[in-house]
Amino acid sequence: MLKTYRMERWEIDEIKERDEDINSFIVIDRNGIARRNLKKGGRLDGLTVGIKSNICVHGLLTSAGSKTLENYIAPYDATVVERIKENSGVILGMCNMDEFACGSSGETSYYGATKNPSAPENIPGGSSSGPAAAVAAGFVDVAIGSDTGGSIRNPASHCGVVGFKPTYGMVSRYGLIDLAMSLDQIGPIAKDVKKAALLMDVIAGHDPRDETSLRLDKKFYSFSKNLDKNLKGIKVGYADEFDELISDKGIKNLIHNAIDNLTSAGAEIVDVNLTNLEIALPTYYLNMYVEFFSATRKYDGRRYGHRIEKVCGEEVLRRILLGSYISQKEYSGRYYRKALQARSVIRKDLSLALDGIDVLAGPVVPKLPHKFGTKIEDPRTMYAYDIFTVIANLAGIPAGSVPAGRVDGIPTGLQIIGKALDDQKVMNVMYGFEQEI
C-alpha cells in the first residue's frame, strides 16, 4: 500500500522556527515532495529523516552547501534515498553542510554556519554539520551524512550523537556529490546506536549502479537484529600514539575513563602501535586535494549552475588550487605518488594493529571544538581536527563515534575502528559501551 505521508503544518512550522537559530536545514520540505507515495509499514515507518545536501533527493534543491549549485533541483533519488523511501522513512528536508564537504567546522556553507544545539557557543563540527545538529536538536530521528575523513564522526562527537562510517563499498555512493571518490562513504547519524543500526539495515547493500558497491551475503546487512551489547571476550586495542596527539587534557581523561568502562563491560584492553599516525593527515589531504580537483571539473558553468571557481568560498578554492598544482605532471611524483605510497603504509599499520584484536578504541578529535566565529588564520589548525578519523577512510574500514561524556560541558565521542567488513562488530562495541555508561 502507498500513502502520502503528511506532516502537520504546525509540526513543520515549529521545526522551521526553532531551526532559525541552529540553521541545520537548507531546505525544509514543506510541500511534502519527498514524502509522496511512500510505502506503508516499512522498517523506518514514522521515523523522520534528514538528508545531507550533497545526496540527491528528487525534486529538492541539492546544493552541497554551495552557490555553485544554488539552482540544482535533483532529477533523481540517490540509492540510499530510494531505500529510505521504500522503507517508509519520512524525509523532512536537506541538511546544511560545509561547502562541498570542505571543512571540519560547519562554518563554510554558502547558506550560513550551522550552530551546535548541544554546545551553542561552539562549532558543531563538519562537514555533516546539519545532519548531526538536526538529530541533536530533535528535529529528526535519524539522518544520513557523508564521511570523507571524519565528516560524520567529527560532528557526531561535537553534538553528542552517534555517527557511523561503514566499510568502503558497504553503502552505495550513487547520487552522492563527491568530495573524494576513493574516500567518501555515506553513513547514519542518530541519537543512539540502535537507530543508527536500523538505518544501516536500510541503506546498506549492493547497488549495480555503483562500481564500488560490494556484493556480500545478506548476513552482513542485519545490523539492528544482530546488535549485541555483551563485550566479554572482545579485545580492544589502544595506541599510545593517541595520547601523544591529544592536545586537550580533558579529552584524554575522558577517553581513558571510556576505556575503563569498556573493561568494566568485559572487554580486554590490548596495547597496540600506530607508528605512522602522524603522517596520516598530510597523506589524507594530498589524496583528497587531487580527487576533489578532478571531481570539480564538471562544474564549469555549462551543465551545473555557476563555474565553481567564480562563486565558491575560500576553503573550496584553496583545495581546487592545491589539487590542480599537485596534479601537474612535474609535481605528481613529488607529492601525489608519495601520498599513495604513504596511504599503503598507513593501511599496513592499521592491519598490523588490528591483527589479533577485534577493534581499536580511541578519541574522535584531539581538541574541543572552537568557539563559534573564531577566526582561524592557518587552515592546518582546522585540519588538525581530523588526525584520528582520516585513518579509517584511508584504509576503507568501518569506524563510529559514540558519546562518551562531556568536557567543559561539551560533548565528546569515543571512536571505535574495526577491520574491513566488521561493521557489525564495531556497532556492537559501540552499543555495549553505550549501555555501560
Protein backbone atom coordinates (compact mmCIF):
# COMPACT_ATOMS: atom_id res chain seq x y z
CA MET A 1 0.00 0.00 0.00
CA LEU A 2 1.21 3.51 -0.84
CA LYS A 3 0.42 6.71 1.00
CA THR A 4 1.41 10.32 1.03
CA TYR A 5 2.81 10.99 4.48
CA ARG A 6 1.52 14.31 5.72
CA MET A 7 3.35 16.08 8.49
CA GLU A 8 1.11 18.54 10.24
CA ARG A 9 1.77 22.09 9.12
CA TRP A 10 2.29 23.18 12.72
CA GLU A 11 4.98 20.48 13.16
CA ILE A 12 6.92 21.76 10.17
CA ASP A 13 6.43 25.40 11.16
CA GLU A 14 7.66 24.67 14.69
CA ILE A 15 10.81 22.96 13.40
CA LYS A 16 11.39 25.76 10.91
CA GLU A 17 11.05 28.38 13.65
CA ARG A 18 13.37 26.53 16.05
CA ASP A 19 15.88 25.94 13.27
CA GLU A 20 16.25 29.66 12.60
CA ASP A 21 18.79 29.74 15.45
CA ILE A 22 20.54 26.49 14.50
CA ASN A 23 20.42 26.55 10.68
CA SER A 24 20.63 22.76 10.37
CA PHE A 25 18.47 22.73 7.24
CA ILE A 26 18.99 24.37 3.86
CA VAL A 27 15.60 23.12 2.66
CA ILE A 28 12.66 22.04 4.80
CA ASP A 29 10.26 20.14 2.53
CA ARG A 30 7.03 21.94 3.47
CA ASN A 31 5.22 20.68 0.35
CA GLY A 32 5.98 17.03 1.06
CA ILE A 33 7.73 16.40 -2.28
CA ALA A 34 9.94 13.70 -0.76
CA ARG A 35 7.05 12.18 1.23
CA ARG A 36 4.73 11.35 -1.68
CA ASN A 37 3.73 7.76 -2.43
CA LEU A 38 5.64 6.23 0.46
CA LYS A 39 5.21 2.53 1.08
CA LYS A 40 3.38 1.85 4.32
CA GLY A 41 4.76 -0.29 7.11
CA GLY A 42 8.45 -0.27 6.19
CA ARG A 43 11.31 -0.56 8.66
CA LEU A 44 11.53 3.21 9.08
CA ASP A 45 7.75 3.75 9.25
CA GLY A 46 7.09 7.06 11.01
CA LEU A 47 10.75 7.94 11.56
CA THR A 48 11.76 11.36 10.30
CA VAL A 49 14.99 11.61 8.30
CA GLY A 50 17.36 14.44 7.39
CA ILE A 51 19.47 14.19 4.22
CA LYS A 52 22.84 15.91 3.83
CA SER A 53 22.66 18.36 0.97
CA ASN A 54 25.20 16.51 -1.18
CA ILE A 55 22.95 13.44 -1.50
CA CYS A 56 20.33 13.73 -4.26
CA VAL A 57 16.63 13.81 -3.38
CA HIS A 58 14.33 14.00 -6.39
CA GLY A 59 12.59 17.37 -6.61
CA LEU A 60 14.58 19.07 -3.84
CA LEU A 61 17.46 21.54 -4.01
CA THR A 62 20.68 19.53 -3.70
CA SER A 63 23.32 22.24 -3.43
CA ALA A 64 26.17 20.68 -1.43
CA GLY A 65 26.10 23.90 0.59
CA SER A 66 27.44 25.90 -2.35
CA LYS A 67 26.36 28.83 -4.52
CA THR A 68 27.70 26.76 -7.42
CA LEU A 69 24.61 24.53 -7.25
CA GLU A 70 22.14 27.05 -5.81
CA ASN A 71 19.62 26.23 -8.59
CA TYR A 72 20.21 22.48 -8.90
CA ILE A 73 16.99 20.56 -8.26
CA ALA A 74 17.93 16.88 -8.21
CA PRO A 75 16.22 14.98 -11.08
CA TYR A 76 16.59 11.61 -9.34
CA ASP A 77 17.00 9.95 -5.94
CA ALA A 78 20.31 8.65 -4.65
CA THR A 79 20.17 4.92 -3.98
CA VAL A 80 20.17 5.48 -0.21
CA VAL A 81 17.22 7.87 -0.58
CA GLU A 82 15.33 5.33 -2.68
CA ARG A 83 15.84 2.75 0.04
CA ILE A 84 14.76 5.15 2.79
CA LYS A 85 11.55 5.91 0.88
CA GLU A 86 10.92 2.22 0.18
CA ASN A 87 11.13 1.63 3.93
CA SER A 88 8.66 4.43 4.79
CA GLY A 89 11.27 6.91 6.02
CA VAL A 90 9.80 10.40 6.32
CA ILE A 91 12.28 12.81 4.72
CA LEU A 92 12.00 16.24 6.29
CA GLY A 93 14.50 18.06 4.10
CA MET A 94 18.06 18.80 3.03
CA CYS A 95 20.56 19.45 5.81
CA ASN A 96 23.24 22.13 5.87
CA MET A 97 26.91 21.29 5.43
CA ASP A 98 30.35 22.74 4.83
CA GLU A 99 30.55 23.80 1.19
CA PHE A 100 31.20 20.73 -0.98
CA ALA A 101 32.14 18.98 2.29
CA CYS A 102 35.27 21.15 2.54
CA GLY A 103 35.51 21.89 6.24
CA SER A 104 35.51 20.46 9.75
CA SER A 105 33.51 23.16 11.50
CA GLY A 106 30.14 23.65 9.80
CA GLU A 107 31.03 27.27 9.07
CA THR A 108 31.83 27.27 5.33
CA SER A 109 28.32 26.80 3.90
CA TYR A 110 27.04 29.37 1.40
CA TYR A 111 23.78 29.23 3.39
CA GLY A 112 25.39 30.27 6.66
CA ALA A 113 27.02 28.41 9.51
CA THR A 114 25.29 25.65 11.47
CA LYS A 115 25.08 26.06 15.25
CA ASN A 116 25.64 23.29 17.79
CA PRO A 117 22.42 22.52 19.76
CA SER A 118 24.44 20.70 22.43
CA ALA A 119 27.04 23.44 22.95
CA PRO A 120 25.65 26.68 21.46
CA GLU A 121 28.86 28.69 21.83
CA ASN A 122 30.94 26.12 19.96
CA ILE A 123 31.03 24.84 16.38
CA PRO A 124 29.09 21.63 15.59
CA GLY A 125 31.90 20.13 13.51
CA GLY A 126 31.73 19.17 9.86
CA SER A 127 31.26 18.59 7.16
CA SER A 128 27.99 16.82 8.10
CA SER A 129 27.13 19.65 10.47
CA GLY A 130 23.45 19.91 9.53
CA PRO A 131 22.56 16.22 9.89
CA ALA A 132 24.28 15.99 13.29
CA ALA A 133 22.70 19.23 14.53
CA ALA A 134 19.24 18.22 13.28
CA VAL A 135 19.46 14.92 15.20
CA ALA A 136 20.88 16.58 18.32
CA ALA A 137 18.11 19.21 18.29
CA GLY A 138 15.42 16.54 17.91
CA PHE A 139 14.21 17.82 14.54
CA VAL A 140 14.64 14.36 13.01
CA ASP A 141 15.00 10.86 14.39
CA VAL A 142 17.89 9.93 12.11
CA ALA A 143 19.93 11.46 9.30
CA ILE A 144 22.43 10.44 6.66
CA GLY A 145 25.71 12.18 6.02
CA SER A 146 28.88 11.50 4.08
CA ASP A 147 32.28 10.84 5.61
CA THR A 148 35.49 11.58 3.68
CA GLY A 149 37.93 11.89 6.57
CA GLY A 150 35.70 12.10 9.64
CA SER A 151 32.80 14.19 8.31
CA ILE A 152 30.20 12.05 10.11
CA ARG A 153 32.17 11.18 13.24
CA ASN A 154 33.55 14.68 13.89
CA PRO A 155 30.13 16.45 14.17
CA ALA A 156 28.63 13.42 15.91
CA SER A 157 31.29 13.81 18.62
CA HIS A 158 30.82 17.58 18.98
CA CYS A 159 26.99 17.37 19.00
CA GLY A 160 26.72 14.37 21.32
CA VAL A 161 25.10 11.90 18.92
CA VAL A 162 26.05 8.60 17.26
CA GLY A 163 27.76 8.62 13.86
CA PHE A 164 28.94 5.67 11.79
CA LYS A 165 31.17 5.38 8.70
CA PRO A 166 30.74 1.95 7.08
CA THR A 167 33.32 -0.14 5.27
CA TYR A 168 34.00 1.40 1.85
CA GLY A 169 31.52 -0.16 -0.57
CA MET A 170 29.05 -1.28 2.09
CA VAL A 171 26.67 1.57 1.19
CA SER A 172 26.03 2.77 -2.35
CA ARG A 173 27.51 6.13 -3.33
CA TYR A 174 25.20 6.55 -6.35
CA GLY A 175 23.68 10.02 -6.11
CA LEU A 176 26.41 11.42 -3.82
CA ILE A 177 28.16 14.65 -4.83
CA ASP A 178 31.76 13.57 -4.25
CA LEU A 179 34.49 15.28 -2.32
CA ALA A 180 36.94 12.42 -2.94
CA MET A 181 35.59 9.26 -4.52
CA SER A 182 38.11 6.81 -3.04
CA LEU A 183 37.45 8.10 0.48
CA ASP A 184 33.77 9.11 0.66
CA GLN A 185 31.21 6.84 2.29
CA ILE A 186 27.58 7.53 3.22
CA GLY A 187 26.52 6.59 6.74
CA PRO A 188 23.94 7.14 9.51
CA ILE A 189 23.69 9.69 12.32
CA ALA A 190 21.27 9.02 15.16
CA LYS A 191 20.57 9.63 18.83
CA ASP A 192 21.54 6.07 19.72
CA VAL A 193 23.25 3.04 18.23
CA LYS A 194 20.00 1.10 17.73
CA LYS A 195 18.57 3.72 15.39
CA ALA A 196 21.89 4.04 13.56
CA ALA A 197 21.92 0.25 13.08
CA LEU A 198 18.32 0.32 11.84
CA LEU A 199 19.18 2.95 9.25
CA MET A 200 22.18 0.86 8.19
CA ASP A 201 19.84 -2.11 7.67
CA VAL A 202 18.01 0.00 5.11
CA ILE A 203 20.78 1.83 3.25
CA ALA A 204 23.44 -0.93 3.07
CA GLY A 205 23.59 -3.45 0.25
CA HIS A 206 24.86 -3.97 -3.27
CA ASP A 207 23.93 -1.46 -5.97
CA PRO A 208 24.75 -2.27 -9.62
CA ARG A 209 24.81 1.46 -10.40
CA ASP A 210 27.84 1.97 -8.12
CA GLU A 211 31.03 0.26 -9.28
CA THR A 212 32.49 0.48 -5.77
CA SER A 213 29.50 -1.33 -4.24
CA LEU A 214 30.30 -4.70 -2.64
CA ARG A 215 28.43 -7.95 -3.26
CA LEU A 216 28.03 -9.51 0.18
CA ASP A 217 25.96 -12.19 1.83
CA LYS A 218 22.71 -10.97 3.40
CA LYS A 219 24.11 -11.70 6.88
CA PHE A 220 26.19 -8.52 6.57
CA TYR A 221 23.06 -6.36 6.38
CA SER A 222 21.15 -7.26 9.57
CA PHE A 223 22.81 -4.77 11.88
CA SER A 224 19.93 -3.96 14.23
CA LYS A 225 18.85 -7.60 14.54
CA ASN A 226 22.38 -8.70 15.43
CA LEU A 227 23.25 -5.91 17.89
CA ASP A 228 24.93 -7.45 20.94
CA LYS A 229 25.92 -5.42 23.98
CA ASN A 230 27.95 -8.28 25.51
CA LEU A 231 31.62 -7.29 25.35
CA LYS A 232 33.03 -10.27 27.25
CA GLY A 233 35.96 -11.69 25.32
CA ILE A 234 36.20 -8.70 22.99
CA LYS A 235 39.78 -7.49 22.55
CA VAL A 236 40.07 -3.71 22.23
CA GLY A 237 43.31 -2.08 21.13
CA TYR A 238 44.51 1.29 22.36
CA ALA A 239 47.55 3.07 20.88
CA ASP A 240 49.97 5.20 22.90
CA GLU A 241 50.16 7.46 19.85
CA PHE A 242 46.62 8.63 20.62
CA ASP A 243 47.78 10.10 23.93
CA GLU A 244 50.73 11.81 22.25
CA LEU A 245 48.46 13.64 19.79
CA ILE A 246 45.54 14.59 22.06
CA SER A 247 46.06 18.27 22.79
CA ASP A 248 43.28 18.64 25.38
CA LYS A 249 43.85 17.12 28.81
CA GLY A 250 40.10 16.86 29.46
CA ILE A 251 39.59 14.76 26.33
CA LYS A 252 42.50 12.50 27.30
CA ASN A 253 41.00 11.89 30.75
CA LEU A 254 37.54 11.25 29.28
CA ILE A 255 38.87 8.74 26.73
CA HIS A 256 40.83 6.91 29.44
CA ASN A 257 37.65 6.72 31.52
CA ALA A 258 35.82 5.39 28.47
CA ILE A 259 38.45 2.67 28.07
CA ASP A 260 37.92 1.78 31.73
CA ASN A 261 34.19 1.47 31.04
CA LEU A 262 34.90 -0.95 28.20
CA THR A 263 36.97 -3.00 30.66
CA SER A 264 34.09 -2.94 33.17
CA ALA A 265 31.80 -4.23 30.43
CA GLY A 266 34.06 -7.25 29.95
CA ALA A 267 36.40 -6.14 27.15
CA GLU A 268 40.12 -6.84 27.28
CA ILE A 269 42.36 -3.84 26.54
CA VAL A 270 45.46 -4.52 24.44
CA ASP A 271 48.30 -2.06 23.79
CA VAL A 272 48.96 -1.54 20.08
CA ASN A 273 51.13 0.74 17.96
CA LEU A 274 50.25 3.12 15.15
CA THR A 275 53.76 4.26 14.38
CA ASN A 276 52.81 6.22 11.27
CA LEU A 277 49.78 8.02 12.68
CA GLU A 278 51.49 11.42 12.36
CA ILE A 279 51.72 11.12 8.57
CA ALA A 280 48.03 10.27 8.20
CA LEU A 281 46.86 13.88 7.97
CA PRO A 282 49.16 15.07 5.15
CA THR A 283 48.61 11.76 3.35
CA TYR A 284 44.85 12.23 3.50
CA TYR A 285 44.86 15.83 2.38
CA LEU A 286 47.21 15.22 -0.56
CA ASN A 287 44.97 12.39 -1.79
CA MET A 288 41.82 14.42 -1.22
CA TYR A 289 43.10 17.58 -2.98
CA VAL A 290 43.77 15.69 -6.21
CA GLU A 291 40.48 13.79 -6.18
CA PHE A 292 38.48 16.91 -5.32
CA PHE A 293 40.10 18.90 -8.11
CA SER A 294 39.17 16.14 -10.55
CA ALA A 295 35.59 15.97 -9.25
CA THR A 296 35.04 19.72 -9.64
CA ARG A 297 35.97 19.89 -13.34
CA LYS A 298 32.33 19.26 -14.25
CA TYR A 299 31.26 22.48 -12.52
CA ASP A 300 32.26 24.62 -15.48
CA GLY A 301 29.12 26.78 -15.64
CA ARG A 302 27.77 24.97 -18.69
CA ARG A 303 25.98 21.98 -17.21
CA TYR A 304 25.68 22.67 -13.48
CA GLY A 305 24.88 26.20 -12.37
CA HIS A 306 27.83 28.53 -11.92
CA ARG A 307 31.50 27.99 -12.63
CA ILE A 308 32.81 26.83 -9.29
CA GLU A 309 35.99 28.96 -9.18
CA LYS A 310 33.95 32.14 -9.64
CA VAL A 311 31.49 31.63 -6.79
CA CYS A 312 32.98 29.19 -4.28
CA GLY A 313 34.28 30.01 -0.82
CA GLU A 314 37.87 30.35 0.32
CA GLU A 315 38.35 26.76 1.53
CA VAL A 316 36.89 25.21 -1.62
CA LEU A 317 39.08 27.38 -3.81
CA ARG A 318 42.16 26.51 -1.74
CA ARG A 319 41.55 22.80 -2.28
CA ILE A 320 40.92 23.24 -6.01
CA LEU A 321 44.14 25.22 -6.49
CA LEU A 322 46.22 22.80 -4.45
CA GLY A 323 44.70 19.84 -6.28
CA SER A 324 45.45 21.48 -9.62
CA TYR A 325 49.05 22.14 -8.58
CA ILE A 326 49.68 18.63 -7.26
CA SER A 327 48.07 17.06 -10.35
CA GLN A 328 50.55 18.67 -12.72
CA LYS A 329 52.87 16.12 -14.28
CA GLU A 330 56.05 17.68 -12.94
CA TYR A 331 54.74 17.63 -9.33
CA SER A 332 52.68 14.41 -9.25
CA GLY A 333 55.72 12.27 -8.41
CA ARG A 334 56.87 14.65 -5.71
CA TYR A 335 53.51 14.78 -3.95
CA TYR A 336 50.64 12.59 -5.17
CA ARG A 337 52.55 9.36 -5.83
CA LYS A 338 54.29 9.64 -2.49
CA ALA A 339 50.89 10.22 -0.86
CA LEU A 340 49.62 7.00 -2.45
CA GLN A 341 52.66 5.17 -1.11
CA ALA A 342 52.08 6.64 2.35
CA ARG A 343 48.45 5.54 2.15
CA SER A 344 49.65 1.95 1.66
CA VAL A 345 51.93 2.31 4.70
CA ILE A 346 49.01 3.51 6.85
CA ARG A 347 46.82 0.64 5.67
CA LYS A 348 49.57 -1.80 6.63
CA ASP A 349 49.96 -0.10 10.02
CA LEU A 350 46.26 -0.48 10.74
CA SER A 351 46.24 -4.07 9.55
CA LEU A 352 49.08 -4.90 11.95
CA ALA A 353 47.43 -3.02 14.81
CA LEU A 354 44.13 -4.87 14.29
CA ASP A 355 45.79 -8.27 13.93
CA GLY A 356 44.77 -10.44 16.87
CA ILE A 357 42.25 -7.96 18.30
CA ASP A 358 38.64 -7.09 17.47
CA VAL A 359 38.60 -3.28 17.33
CA LEU A 360 40.60 -0.17 18.10
CA ALA A 361 39.20 2.40 20.52
CA GLY A 362 40.36 5.97 20.90
CA PRO A 363 39.47 9.63 20.54
CA VAL A 364 37.46 11.10 17.68
CA VAL A 365 39.10 14.52 17.91
CA PRO A 366 42.29 15.80 19.58
CA LYS A 367 40.75 19.01 20.90
CA LEU A 368 37.45 20.61 21.84
CA PRO A 369 35.50 22.46 19.14
CA HIS A 370 36.49 26.11 18.94
CA LYS A 371 34.15 28.95 19.77
CA PHE A 372 31.70 29.79 17.01
CA GLY A 373 33.03 32.54 14.75
CA THR A 374 36.67 32.23 15.88
CA LYS A 375 38.99 33.40 13.11
CA ILE A 376 41.29 30.55 12.09
CA GLU A 377 44.28 32.05 10.29
CA ASP A 378 46.11 28.81 9.49
CA PRO A 379 43.98 26.13 7.74
CA ARG A 380 46.20 23.46 9.28
CA THR A 381 44.62 24.33 12.63
CA MET A 382 41.25 23.31 11.21
CA TYR A 383 42.67 20.22 9.50
CA ALA A 384 44.05 19.02 12.84
CA TYR A 385 40.52 18.02 13.94
CA ASP A 386 40.81 15.08 11.51
CA ILE A 387 44.03 13.48 12.78
CA PHE A 388 42.29 10.47 14.39
CA THR A 389 39.49 9.98 11.87
CA VAL A 390 41.24 10.04 8.47
CA ILE A 391 42.97 6.70 9.03
CA ALA A 392 39.70 4.75 8.66
CA ASN A 393 38.96 6.44 5.32
CA LEU A 394 42.48 5.89 4.01
CA ALA A 395 42.11 2.19 4.80
CA GLY A 396 38.44 1.87 3.80
CA ILE A 397 37.47 0.31 7.14
CA PRO A 398 34.45 0.91 9.43
CA ALA A 399 34.54 3.42 12.29
CA GLY A 400 31.99 5.07 14.52
CA SER A 401 31.63 7.73 17.19
CA VAL A 402 29.53 7.11 20.30
CA PRO A 403 29.01 9.75 23.03
CA ALA A 404 31.49 9.28 25.88
CA GLY A 405 30.58 12.24 28.08
CA ARG A 406 31.33 15.95 28.29
CA VAL A 407 34.47 18.00 28.70
CA ASP A 408 33.86 21.55 29.94
CA GLY A 409 30.20 20.99 29.13
CA ILE A 410 30.91 20.00 25.50
CA PRO A 411 30.03 16.51 24.18
CA THR A 412 32.95 14.30 23.21
CA GLY A 413 32.84 10.94 21.46
CA LEU A 414 34.72 7.66 21.69
CA GLN A 415 35.82 6.29 18.32
CA ILE A 416 35.63 2.57 17.56
CA ILE A 417 37.51 1.32 14.47
CA GLY A 418 37.28 -2.19 13.03
CA LYS A 419 38.55 -4.42 10.26
CA ALA A 420 37.05 -4.27 6.78
CA LEU A 421 33.53 -5.79 6.77
CA ASP A 422 33.49 -5.95 10.58
CA ASP A 423 30.83 -3.21 10.66
CA GLN A 424 28.61 -5.32 12.91
CA LYS A 425 31.39 -5.83 15.46
CA VAL A 426 32.13 -2.09 15.53
CA MET A 427 28.46 -1.29 16.13
CA ASN A 428 28.26 -3.98 18.80
CA VAL A 429 31.16 -2.43 20.73
CA MET A 430 29.57 1.00 20.35
CA TYR A 431 26.28 -0.47 21.63
CA GLY A 432 27.92 -2.23 24.57
CA PHE A 433 29.74 0.97 25.55
CA GLU A 434 26.52 2.99 25.20
CA GLN A 435 24.74 0.60 27.58
CA GLU A 436 27.59 0.71 30.10
CA ILE A 437 27.86 4.48 30.62
